[in-house]
Amino acid sequence: MLVDIVKDIIAPHQDIDVVGELAGRDELLQAAMQTRANVIVLGNAAQADNDDYRELLYRLPHLKILAITADGRRGFLHELQPRVMPLGEVSSDSLIEAIRGETPSRRAGAAS
């Protein structure tokens, strides 16, 4: 059923094609490499292992993985993406916060 829902969503978009369907995860990496897919849609995201995603993304850095939960209510987009995060004013505090992984938006969210 999830496959049909995804196909219905994609169908109106001429620049996106569904190139295949897989029943199991064993063929996933091989199929992704053969088709040079840009996006892979996976159902049952809660049972997926992040190591599987990581391996796919490291081997195919252009790939995006759309993982949808079994109930079809939530989804997660996995991608290998370099990013630049603005730190704001450079100070000793902002540098320490950046090293710890705190960003201005995270600090603002934590303060509320």
C-alpha atoms as a PDB file:
ATOM      1  CA  MET A   1       0.000   0.000   0.000  1.00  0.00           C
ATOM      2  CA  LEU A   2       2.862   2.399   0.819  1.00  0.00           C
ATOM      3  CA  VAL A   3       4.334   1.867  -2.656  1.00  0.00           C
ATOM      4  CA  ASP A   4       1.039   2.863  -4.260  1.00  0.00           C
ATOM      5  CA  ILE A   5       0.771   5.985  -2.107  1.00  0.00           C
ATOM      6  CA  VAL A   6       4.306   7.078  -2.992  1.00  0.00           C
ATOM      7  CA  LYS A   7       3.685   6.398  -6.692  1.00  0.00           C
ATOM      8  CA  ASP A   8       0.505   8.505  -6.578  1.00  0.00           C
ATOM      9  CA  ILE A   9       2.418  11.377  -4.988  1.00  0.00           C
ATOM     10  CA  ILE A  10       5.234  11.159  -7.541  1.00  0.00           C
ATOM     11  CA  ALA A  11       3.076  10.597 -10.651  1.00  0.00           C
ATOM     12  CA  PRO A  12       2.231  14.278 -11.372  1.00  0.00           C
ATOM     13  CA  HIS A  13       5.901  15.261 -11.285  1.00  0.00           C
ATOM     14  CA  GLN A  14       7.399  14.748 -14.757  1.00  0.00           C
ATOM     15  CA  ASP A  15      10.987  15.123 -13.497  1.00  0.00           C
ATOM     16  CA  ILE A  16      10.717  12.156 -11.085  1.00  0.00           C
ATOM     17  CA  ASP A  17      10.492   8.517 -12.127  1.00  0.00           C
ATOM     18  CA  VAL A  18       9.990   5.361 -10.117  1.00  0.00           C
ATOM     19  CA  VAL A  19      12.579   3.001 -11.546  1.00  0.00           C
ATOM     20  CA  GLY A  20      11.939  -0.079  -9.461  1.00  0.00           C
ATOM     21  CA  GLU A  21      10.600  -1.743  -6.381  1.00  0.00           C
ATOM     22  CA  LEU A  22      12.413  -4.075  -4.021  1.00  0.00           C
ATOM     23  CA  ALA A  23      10.888  -6.519  -1.600  1.00  0.00           C
ATOM     24  CA  GLY A  24      13.977  -6.898   0.574  1.00  0.00           C
ATOM     25  CA  ARG A  25      16.905  -4.846   1.765  1.00  0.00           C
ATOM     26  CA  ASP A  26      19.530  -7.258   0.463  1.00  0.00           C
ATOM     27  CA  GLU A  27      19.360  -5.861  -3.060  1.00  0.00           C
ATOM     28  CA  LEU A  28      19.084  -2.233  -1.988  1.00  0.00           C
ATOM     29  CA  LEU A  29      22.716  -1.138  -2.351  1.00  0.00           C
ATOM     30  CA  GLN A  30      23.180  -3.008  -5.611  1.00  0.00           C
ATOM     31  CA  ALA A  31      19.982  -1.575  -7.103  1.00  0.00           C
ATOM     32  CA  ALA A  32      20.851   1.951  -5.975  1.00  0.00           C
ATOM     33  CA  MET A  33      24.264   1.704  -7.607  1.00  0.00           C
ATOM     34  CA  GLN A  34      22.933   0.188 -10.838  1.00  0.00           C
ATOM     35  CA  THR A  35      20.116   2.685 -11.353  1.00  0.00           C
ATOM     36  CA  ARG A  36      22.061   5.710 -10.044  1.00  0.00           C
ATOM     37  CA  ALA A  37      18.869   6.658  -8.208  1.00  0.00           C
ATOM     38  CA  ASN A  38      18.636  10.079  -6.624  1.00  0.00           C
ATOM     39  CA  VAL A  39      16.109   9.017  -3.988  1.00  0.00           C
ATOM     40  CA  ILE A  40      15.259   5.723  -2.357  1.00  0.00           C
ATOM     41  CA  VAL A  41      11.979   5.386  -0.487  1.00  0.00           C
ATOM     42  CA  LEU A  42      11.926   2.877   2.337  1.00  0.00           C
ATOM     43  CA  GLY A  43       8.930   1.733   4.311  1.00  0.00           C
ATOM     44  CA  ASN A  44       9.005   0.567   7.910  1.00  0.00           C
ATOM     45  CA  ALA A  45      11.623   3.140   8.942  1.00  0.00           C
ATOM     46  CA  ALA A  46      11.430   2.152  12.607  1.00  0.00           C
ATOM     47  CA  GLN A  47      13.001  -1.237  11.817  1.00  0.00           C
ATOM     48  CA  ALA A  48      15.777   0.169   9.651  1.00  0.00           C
ATOM     49  CA  ASP A  49      19.343   0.236  10.874  1.00  0.00           C
ATOM     50  CA  ASN A  50      21.117   3.591  10.567  1.00  0.00           C
ATOM     51  CA  ASP A  51      24.281   1.699   9.575  1.00  0.00           C
ATOM     52  CA  ASP A  52      22.463   0.603   6.404  1.00  0.00           C
ATOM     53  CA  TYR A  53      21.669   4.227   5.592  1.00  0.00           C
ATOM     54  CA  ARG A  54      25.190   5.335   6.423  1.00  0.00           C
ATOM     55  CA  GLU A  55      26.746   2.765   4.088  1.00  0.00           C
ATOM     56  CA  LEU A  56      24.438   3.776   1.243  1.00  0.00           C
ATOM     57  CA  LEU A  57      25.142   7.475   1.731  1.00  0.00           C
ATOM     58  CA  TYR A  58      28.909   7.023   1.934  1.00  0.00           C
ATOM     59  CA  ARG A  59      28.944   4.970  -1.261  1.00  0.00           C
ATOM     60  CA  LEU A  60      26.454   7.212  -3.057  1.00  0.00           C
ATOM     61  CA  PRO A  61      26.818  10.718  -1.604  1.00  0.00           C
ATOM     62  CA  HIS A  62      24.257  12.225  -4.009  1.00  0.00           C
ATOM     63  CA  LEU A  63      21.556   9.854  -2.728  1.00  0.00           C
ATOM     64  CA  LYS A  64      18.653  10.840  -0.502  1.00  0.00           C
ATOM     65  CA  ILE A  65      16.845   8.210   1.525  1.00  0.00           C
ATOM     66  CA  LEU A  66      13.223   8.852   2.415  1.00  0.00           C
ATOM     67  CA  ALA A  67      12.265   6.488   5.230  1.00  0.00           C
ATOM     68  CA  ILE A  68       8.582   6.263   6.125  1.00  0.00           C
ATOM     69  CA  THR A  69       7.239   4.610   9.260  1.00  0.00           C
ATOM     70  CA  ALA A  70       5.101   1.484   8.877  1.00  0.00           C
ATOM     71  CA  ASP A  71       1.927   3.396   9.736  1.00  0.00           C
ATOM     72  CA  GLY A  72       2.719   5.944   6.999  1.00  0.00           C
ATOM     73  CA  ARG A  73       2.348   8.880   9.375  1.00  0.00           C
ATOM     74  CA  ARG A  74       5.959  10.007   9.784  1.00  0.00           C
ATOM     75  CA  GLY A  75       8.966  10.184   7.541  1.00  0.00           C
ATOM     76  CA  PHE A  76      12.663  10.915   7.794  1.00  0.00           C
ATOM     77  CA  LEU A  77      14.987  12.234   5.103  1.00  0.00           C
ATOM     78  CA  HIS A  78      18.544  10.928   5.343  1.00  0.00           C
ATOM     79  CA  GLU A  79      21.257  12.585   3.305  1.00  0.00           C
ATOM     80  CA  LEU A  80      24.986  13.121   3.416  1.00  0.00           C
ATOM     81  CA  GLN A  81      25.255  16.856   3.368  1.00  0.00           C
ATOM     82  CA  PRO A  82      28.099  19.174   4.189  1.00  0.00           C
ATOM     83  CA  ARG A  83      26.727  22.221   5.894  1.00  0.00           C
ATOM     84  CA  VAL A  84      27.759  25.626   7.089  1.00  0.00           C
ATOM     85  CA  MET A  85      26.188  26.963  10.234  1.00  0.00           C
ATOM     86  CA  PRO A  86      26.434  30.647  11.102  1.00  0.00           C
ATOM     87  CA  LEU A  87      27.861  31.117  14.563  1.00  0.00           C
ATOM     88  CA  GLY A  88      27.001  34.751  15.037  1.00  0.00           C
ATOM     89  CA  GLU A  89      29.446  37.006  16.798  1.00  0.00           C
ATOM     90  CA  VAL A  90      32.837  35.369  17.295  1.00  0.00           C
ATOM     91  CA  SER A  91      33.677  35.171  20.952  1.00  0.00           C
ATOM     92  CA  SER A  92      35.248  32.604  23.234  1.00  0.00           C
ATOM     93  CA  ASP A  93      31.739  31.482  24.287  1.00  0.00           C
ATOM     94  CA  SER A  94      30.464  31.133  20.705  1.00  0.00           C
ATOM     95  CA  LEU A  95      33.535  29.116  19.707  1.00  0.00           C
ATOM     96  CA  ILE A  96      33.133  26.740  22.665  1.00  0.00           C
ATOM     97  CA  GLU A  97      29.407  26.376  21.936  1.00  0.00           C
ATOM     98  CA  ALA A  98      30.147  25.593  18.272  1.00  0.00           C
ATOM     99  CA  ILE A  99      32.691  22.949  19.255  1.00  0.00           C
ATOM    100  CA  ARG A 100      30.113  21.383  21.565  1.00  0.00           C
ATOM    101  CA  GLY A 101      27.574  21.375  18.743  1.00  0.00           C
ATOM    102  CA  GLU A 102      25.398  24.154  20.069  1.00  0.00           C
ATOM    103  CA  THR A 103      24.142  26.637  17.512  1.00  0.00           C
ATOM    104  CA  PRO A 104      22.349  29.947  17.985  1.00  0.00           C
ATOM    105  CA  SER A 105      19.014  28.292  17.067  1.00  0.00           C
ATOM    106  CA  ARG A 106      19.604  25.455  19.546  1.00  0.00           C
ATOM    107  CA  ARG A 107      20.471  27.924  22.306  1.00  0.00           C
ATOM    108  CA  ALA A 108      17.336  29.937  21.576  1.00  0.00           C
ATOM    109  CA  GLY A 109      15.226  26.762  21.698  1.00  0.00           C
ATOM    110  CA  ALA A 110      16.805  25.672  24.971  1.00  0.00           C
ATOM    111  CA  ALA A 111      16.160  29.064  26.534  1.00  0.00           C
ATOM    112  CA  SER A 112      12.399  28.900  25.858  1.00  0.00           C
END
